Amino acid sequence: MARLLAFVDIFVESPEMDNVVAALSKLENLEELYEVTGEFDLVTLVSANDIEEFRDVLKNRIMKIKGVKSTVSSVVLKAHKGARTNAGSARPKSTGAE
């Protein structure tokens, strides 16, 4: 069974950025972590066995980190393109001669 994936966008209190990044980096469920420009301060990709595990990671780990103000989560329904799809492996490789 495939793992649940969710993007979790995080608002951080600016003085706590380094501490938040360090704490998030230690979480096993965090697949990816990016500091970004725009509306959010951090964007993460979280994996879990099911929605209950995801809820636990969000509520009892991410939200309890000092400096995390709030989060916005988006659960992945289907991956159409990217490292987590099989579609890319079916494409013929370019020879560079085209």
C-alpha atoms as a PDB file:
ATOM      1  CA  MET A   1       0.000   0.000   0.000  1.00  0.00           C
ATOM      2  CA  ALA A   2       1.315   3.452  -0.907  1.00  0.00           C
ATOM      3  CA  ARG A   3       2.163   5.888   1.843  1.00  0.00           C
ATOM      4  CA  LEU A   4       0.060   8.997   2.326  1.00  0.00           C
ATOM      5  CA  LEU A   5       1.891  12.121   1.178  1.00  0.00           C
ATOM      6  CA  ALA A   6       1.020  15.676   2.172  1.00  0.00           C
ATOM      7  CA  PHE A   7       2.566  19.056   1.549  1.00  0.00           C
ATOM      8  CA  VAL A   8       2.682  21.014   4.779  1.00  0.00           C
ATOM      9  CA  ASP A   9       3.300  24.751   4.384  1.00  0.00           C
ATOM     10  CA  ILE A  10       4.583  26.337   7.578  1.00  0.00           C
ATOM     11  CA  PHE A  11       4.523  29.891   8.917  1.00  0.00           C
ATOM     12  CA  VAL A  12       7.486  30.495  11.252  1.00  0.00           C
ATOM     13  CA  GLU A  13       8.308  33.239  13.761  1.00  0.00           C
ATOM     14  CA  SER A  14      11.342  34.784  12.025  1.00  0.00           C
ATOM     15  CA  PRO A  15      13.790  34.665  14.965  1.00  0.00           C
ATOM     16  CA  GLU A  16      13.105  30.927  15.346  1.00  0.00           C
ATOM     17  CA  MET A  17      13.738  29.904  11.709  1.00  0.00           C
ATOM     18  CA  ASP A  18      17.032  28.080  12.308  1.00  0.00           C
ATOM     19  CA  ASN A  19      15.635  26.240  15.344  1.00  0.00           C
ATOM     20  CA  VAL A  20      12.479  25.219  13.469  1.00  0.00           C
ATOM     21  CA  VAL A  21      14.505  23.929  10.508  1.00  0.00           C
ATOM     22  CA  ALA A  22      16.775  21.952  12.842  1.00  0.00           C
ATOM     23  CA  ALA A  23      13.799  20.396  14.665  1.00  0.00           C
ATOM     24  CA  LEU A  24      11.956  19.554  11.445  1.00  0.00           C
ATOM     25  CA  SER A  25      15.086  17.980   9.954  1.00  0.00           C
ATOM     26  CA  LYS A  26      15.054  15.382  12.745  1.00  0.00           C
ATOM     27  CA  LEU A  27      11.511  14.147  11.959  1.00  0.00           C
ATOM     28  CA  GLU A  28      11.538  10.777  10.190  1.00  0.00           C
ATOM     29  CA  ASN A  29       8.246  11.489   8.419  1.00  0.00           C
ATOM     30  CA  LEU A  30       9.657  14.566   6.691  1.00  0.00           C
ATOM     31  CA  GLU A  31      10.665  13.567   3.158  1.00  0.00           C
ATOM     32  CA  GLU A  32      11.597  17.055   1.938  1.00  0.00           C
ATOM     33  CA  LEU A  33      12.097  20.482   3.524  1.00  0.00           C
ATOM     34  CA  TYR A  34      12.442  23.794   1.683  1.00  0.00           C
ATOM     35  CA  GLU A  35      12.827  27.395   2.857  1.00  0.00           C
ATOM     36  CA  VAL A  36      10.872  29.446   0.324  1.00  0.00           C
ATOM     37  CA  THR A  37       9.790  32.935  -0.655  1.00  0.00           C
ATOM     38  CA  GLY A  38       6.144  33.866  -0.905  1.00  0.00           C
ATOM     39  CA  GLU A  39       3.240  33.330   1.432  1.00  0.00           C
ATOM     40  CA  PHE A  40       4.843  30.592   3.570  1.00  0.00           C
ATOM     41  CA  ASP A  41       8.257  30.350   5.175  1.00  0.00           C
ATOM     42  CA  LEU A  42       8.802  26.598   4.795  1.00  0.00           C
ATOM     43  CA  VAL A  43       7.333  23.936   2.534  1.00  0.00           C
ATOM     44  CA  THR A  44       7.643  20.297   3.543  1.00  0.00           C
ATOM     45  CA  LEU A  45       6.609  16.965   2.124  1.00  0.00           C
ATOM     46  CA  VAL A  46       5.426  14.622   4.866  1.00  0.00           C
ATOM     47  CA  SER A  47       4.782  10.890   4.487  1.00  0.00           C
ATOM     48  CA  ALA A  48       2.690   8.670   6.753  1.00  0.00           C
ATOM     49  CA  ASN A  49       1.145   5.203   6.745  1.00  0.00           C
ATOM     50  CA  ASP A  50      -2.369   6.648   7.032  1.00  0.00           C
ATOM     51  CA  ILE A  51      -4.327   9.778   7.935  1.00  0.00           C
ATOM     52  CA  GLU A  52      -4.093   9.026  11.667  1.00  0.00           C
ATOM     53  CA  GLU A  53      -0.303   8.925  11.562  1.00  0.00           C
ATOM     54  CA  PHE A  54      -0.273  12.131   9.518  1.00  0.00           C
ATOM     55  CA  ARG A  55      -2.547  13.798  12.090  1.00  0.00           C
ATOM     56  CA  ASP A  56      -0.180  12.716  14.872  1.00  0.00           C
ATOM     57  CA  VAL A  57       2.893  14.071  13.063  1.00  0.00           C
ATOM     58  CA  LEU A  58       1.170  17.379  12.365  1.00  0.00           C
ATOM     59  CA  LYS A  59      -0.490  17.866  15.760  1.00  0.00           C
ATOM     60  CA  ASN A  60       2.054  16.348  18.131  1.00  0.00           C
ATOM     61  CA  ARG A  61       5.340  16.989  16.368  1.00  0.00           C
ATOM     62  CA  ILE A  62       5.278  19.830  13.821  1.00  0.00           C
ATOM     63  CA  MET A  63       2.828  22.115  15.644  1.00  0.00           C
ATOM     64  CA  LYS A  64       4.670  21.647  18.976  1.00  0.00           C
ATOM     65  CA  ILE A  65       7.960  23.014  17.628  1.00  0.00           C
ATOM     66  CA  LYS A  66       8.723  26.388  19.206  1.00  0.00           C
ATOM     67  CA  GLY A  67       8.460  29.036  16.500  1.00  0.00           C
ATOM     68  CA  VAL A  68       5.884  27.279  14.301  1.00  0.00           C
ATOM     69  CA  LYS A  69       2.973  29.749  14.076  1.00  0.00           C
ATOM     70  CA  SER A  70       0.613  27.792  11.821  1.00  0.00           C
ATOM     71  CA  THR A  71       0.433  25.309   8.967  1.00  0.00           C
ATOM     72  CA  VAL A  72      -1.572  24.675   5.810  1.00  0.00           C
ATOM     73  CA  SER A  73      -1.747  21.065   4.614  1.00  0.00           C
ATOM     74  CA  SER A  74      -2.531  19.588   1.206  1.00  0.00           C
ATOM     75  CA  VAL A  75      -2.890  15.809   0.993  1.00  0.00           C
ATOM     76  CA  VAL A  76      -1.597  14.367  -2.292  1.00  0.00           C
ATOM     77  CA  LEU A  77      -4.379  12.507  -4.111  1.00  0.00           C
ATOM     78  CA  LYS A  78      -2.352  11.401  -7.143  1.00  0.00           C
ATOM     79  CA  ALA A  79       1.132  12.126  -8.471  1.00  0.00           C
ATOM     80  CA  HIS A  80       1.035  12.846 -12.210  1.00  0.00           C
ATOM     81  CA  LYS A  81       4.680  13.780 -12.728  1.00  0.00           C
ATOM     82  CA  GLY A  82       7.774  13.730 -10.587  1.00  0.00           C
ATOM     83  CA  ALA A  83      10.074  11.434  -8.684  1.00  0.00           C
ATOM     84  CA  ARG A  84       7.174   9.505  -7.145  1.00  0.00           C
ATOM     85  CA  THR A  85       5.536   8.449 -10.414  1.00  0.00           C
ATOM     86  CA  ASN A  86       6.322   5.498 -12.667  1.00  0.00           C
ATOM     87  CA  ALA A  87       5.417   7.425 -15.816  1.00  0.00           C
ATOM     88  CA  GLY A  88       8.926   8.836 -16.197  1.00  0.00           C
ATOM     89  CA  SER A  89      10.520   5.389 -16.404  1.00  0.00           C
ATOM     90  CA  ALA A  90       8.542   4.467 -19.535  1.00  0.00           C
ATOM     91  CA  ARG A  91       9.961   7.340 -21.584  1.00  0.00           C
ATOM     92  CA  PRO A  92      12.776   6.576 -23.994  1.00  0.00           C
ATOM     93  CA  LYS A  93      16.024   8.268 -23.058  1.00  0.00           C
ATOM     94  CA  SER A  94      17.259  11.029 -25.296  1.00  0.00           C
ATOM     95  CA  THR A  95      20.417  10.266 -27.236  1.00  0.00           C
ATOM     96  CA  GLY A  96      21.119  13.943 -27.761  1.00  0.00           C
ATOM     97  CA  ALA A  97      21.156  13.345 -31.532  1.00  0.00           C
ATOM     98  CA  GLU A  98      17.623  14.590 -32.178  1.00  0.00           C
END
